[in-house]
Amino acid sequence: MRLLHDYLRKRRQWAALRELRTKFASRNQHLMDLISRSNQPALKYSLPDYENLTDMLDTGILTFDGILLGSSPRSLKEVVAFLNLSYSAAIVMRRRGMPTSFSPSAQDFGLWRTAVPEPHRPQFDMLVQLMHPEIQQR
């Protein structure tokens, strides 16, 4: 009986990870679609940074790991990948009935904006506006 219980638990865990990857892929594709339709040259220039799903997911995971170890993201790509991972995880958690307090707000994005290197902050602002038009920054 214990083996069956362990098997089912692991199967649910893998299903949650597959669901997270699927949601992350969907969010990343949505981001690329928004960027490609944007009339902002600075965003279109950054599009290749976000095209490789595996690279973006790895970047999000490594950034999460770094944050747990006390370091801050050092690039716009790291912040975007981490935010997409966090947002995707929150959606999966809600679907599975787990409580989560992640809910994007202007305050959250203002905090993350400080982690973005100064030259990339205008791009970050544009990305937030594209992905979350309901949020008014600053």
Protein backbone atom coordinates (compact mmCIF):
# COMPACT_ATOMS: atom_id res chain seq x y z
CA MET A 1 0.00 0.00 0.00
CA ARG A 2 2.86 2.39 0.83
CA LEU A 3 4.40 1.87 -2.63
CA LEU A 4 1.10 2.70 -4.29
CA HIS A 5 0.75 5.85 -2.21
CA ASP A 6 4.31 6.96 -3.10
CA TYR A 7 3.70 6.20 -6.76
CA LEU A 8 0.49 8.26 -6.86
CA ARG A 9 2.10 11.16 -4.99
CA LYS A 10 5.03 11.25 -7.43
CA ARG A 11 2.66 11.00 -10.36
CA ARG A 12 0.71 14.05 -9.08
CA GLN A 13 3.98 15.95 -8.59
CA TRP A 14 5.09 15.22 -12.16
CA ALA A 15 1.67 16.23 -13.45
CA ALA A 16 2.00 19.56 -11.61
CA LEU A 17 5.44 20.13 -13.15
CA ARG A 18 4.10 19.33 -16.63
CA GLU A 19 1.22 21.73 -16.04
CA LEU A 20 3.68 24.42 -14.89
CA ARG A 21 5.79 23.96 -18.01
CA THR A 22 2.69 24.16 -20.22
CA LYS A 23 1.49 27.35 -18.51
CA PHE A 24 4.98 28.88 -18.70
CA ALA A 25 5.16 28.04 -22.41
CA SER A 26 1.77 29.66 -22.96
CA ARG A 27 2.79 32.82 -21.08
CA ASN A 28 6.10 33.00 -22.94
CA GLN A 29 4.38 32.59 -26.32
CA HIS A 30 1.88 35.29 -25.36
CA LEU A 31 4.79 37.58 -24.49
CA MET A 32 6.49 36.93 -27.83
CA ASP A 33 3.22 37.55 -29.71
CA LEU A 34 2.71 40.84 -27.89
CA ILE A 35 6.28 41.93 -28.57
CA SER A 36 6.06 41.02 -32.27
CA ARG A 37 2.85 43.06 -32.63
CA SER A 38 4.27 45.97 -30.65
CA ASN A 39 5.38 49.13 -32.38
CA GLN A 40 8.26 49.53 -29.90
CA PRO A 41 11.64 48.93 -31.62
CA ALA A 42 13.36 48.41 -28.25
CA LEU A 43 11.06 45.47 -27.52
CA LYS A 44 11.35 43.96 -30.98
CA TYR A 45 15.13 44.12 -30.62
CA SER A 46 14.88 42.01 -27.43
CA LEU A 47 12.56 39.37 -28.95
CA PRO A 48 15.37 36.84 -29.65
CA ASP A 49 16.14 36.82 -25.91
CA TYR A 50 12.73 35.27 -25.19
CA GLU A 51 12.24 32.89 -28.11
CA ASN A 52 13.89 29.75 -26.71
CA LEU A 53 11.41 28.25 -24.24
CA THR A 54 13.91 25.92 -22.56
CA ASP A 55 16.36 28.78 -22.09
CA MET A 56 13.67 31.03 -20.60
CA LEU A 57 12.46 28.30 -18.25
CA ASP A 58 16.03 27.52 -17.17
CA THR A 59 16.67 31.24 -16.64
CA GLY A 60 13.53 31.52 -14.50
CA ILE A 61 14.51 28.51 -12.39
CA LEU A 62 18.12 29.66 -11.95
CA THR A 63 16.95 33.16 -11.04
CA PHE A 64 14.55 31.69 -8.48
CA ASP A 65 17.40 29.62 -7.05
CA GLY A 66 19.62 32.73 -6.90
CA ILE A 67 16.93 34.70 -5.10
CA LEU A 68 16.61 31.92 -2.52
CA LEU A 69 20.38 32.16 -2.01
CA GLY A 70 20.20 35.93 -1.57
CA SER A 71 21.25 37.32 -4.94
CA SER A 72 19.19 39.63 -7.15
CA PRO A 73 18.46 39.21 -10.85
CA ARG A 74 21.04 41.03 -12.97
CA SER A 75 19.29 41.35 -16.30
CA LEU A 76 15.92 42.14 -17.80
CA LYS A 77 15.71 38.59 -19.13
CA GLU A 78 16.21 37.14 -15.63
CA VAL A 79 13.46 39.33 -14.19
CA VAL A 80 11.04 38.53 -17.02
CA ALA A 81 11.74 34.79 -16.82
CA PHE A 82 11.32 34.79 -13.04
CA LEU A 83 8.07 36.76 -13.19
CA ASN A 84 6.65 34.44 -15.86
CA LEU A 85 7.64 31.42 -13.76
CA SER A 86 6.12 32.92 -10.61
CA TYR A 87 2.90 33.89 -12.38
CA SER A 88 2.63 30.45 -14.00
CA ALA A 89 3.25 28.69 -10.67
CA ALA A 90 0.57 30.79 -8.98
CA ILE A 91 -1.96 29.83 -11.65
CA VAL A 92 -1.12 26.13 -11.32
CA MET A 93 -1.34 26.35 -7.53
CA ARG A 94 -4.77 28.02 -7.69
CA ARG A 95 -6.03 25.38 -10.13
CA ARG A 96 -4.92 22.70 -7.69
CA GLY A 97 -6.62 24.38 -4.75
CA MET A 98 -3.44 25.62 -3.06
CA PRO A 99 -3.41 29.09 -1.53
CA THR A 100 -1.11 31.66 -3.09
CA SER A 101 -0.69 35.35 -2.47
CA PHE A 102 0.91 36.14 -5.84
CA SER A 103 -1.24 38.66 -7.61
CA PRO A 104 0.51 41.13 -9.88
CA SER A 105 0.09 44.70 -8.76
CA ALA A 106 1.80 47.97 -9.51
CA GLN A 107 3.60 47.66 -6.19
CA ASP A 108 5.02 44.23 -7.13
CA PHE A 109 6.22 45.41 -10.51
CA GLY A 110 7.66 48.57 -8.98
CA LEU A 111 9.72 46.40 -6.67
CA TRP A 112 10.91 44.18 -9.50
CA ARG A 113 11.72 47.23 -11.60
CA THR A 114 14.44 48.12 -9.10
CA ALA A 115 16.16 44.78 -9.89
CA VAL A 116 16.35 45.63 -13.59
CA PRO A 117 19.57 47.37 -14.68
CA GLU A 118 18.93 51.06 -15.36
CA PRO A 119 19.34 50.95 -19.16
CA HIS A 120 16.66 48.23 -19.44
CA ARG A 121 13.99 49.81 -17.22
CA PRO A 122 12.10 51.46 -20.09
CA GLN A 123 11.86 48.02 -21.77
CA PHE A 124 10.66 46.51 -18.50
CA ASP A 125 7.97 49.18 -18.22
CA MET A 126 6.84 48.45 -21.79
CA LEU A 127 6.74 44.70 -21.13
CA VAL A 128 4.65 45.15 -17.99
CA GLN A 129 2.27 47.42 -19.89
CA LEU A 130 1.94 44.83 -22.67
CA MET A 131 1.47 41.85 -20.37
CA HIS A 132 -0.63 43.58 -17.71
CA PRO A 133 -2.37 46.63 -19.20
CA GLU A 134 -4.66 46.77 -16.14
CA ILE A 135 -1.71 47.85 -14.00
CA GLN A 136 -0.79 51.49 -13.77
CA GLN A 137 2.87 51.85 -12.85
CA ARG A 138 4.39 54.52 -10.68
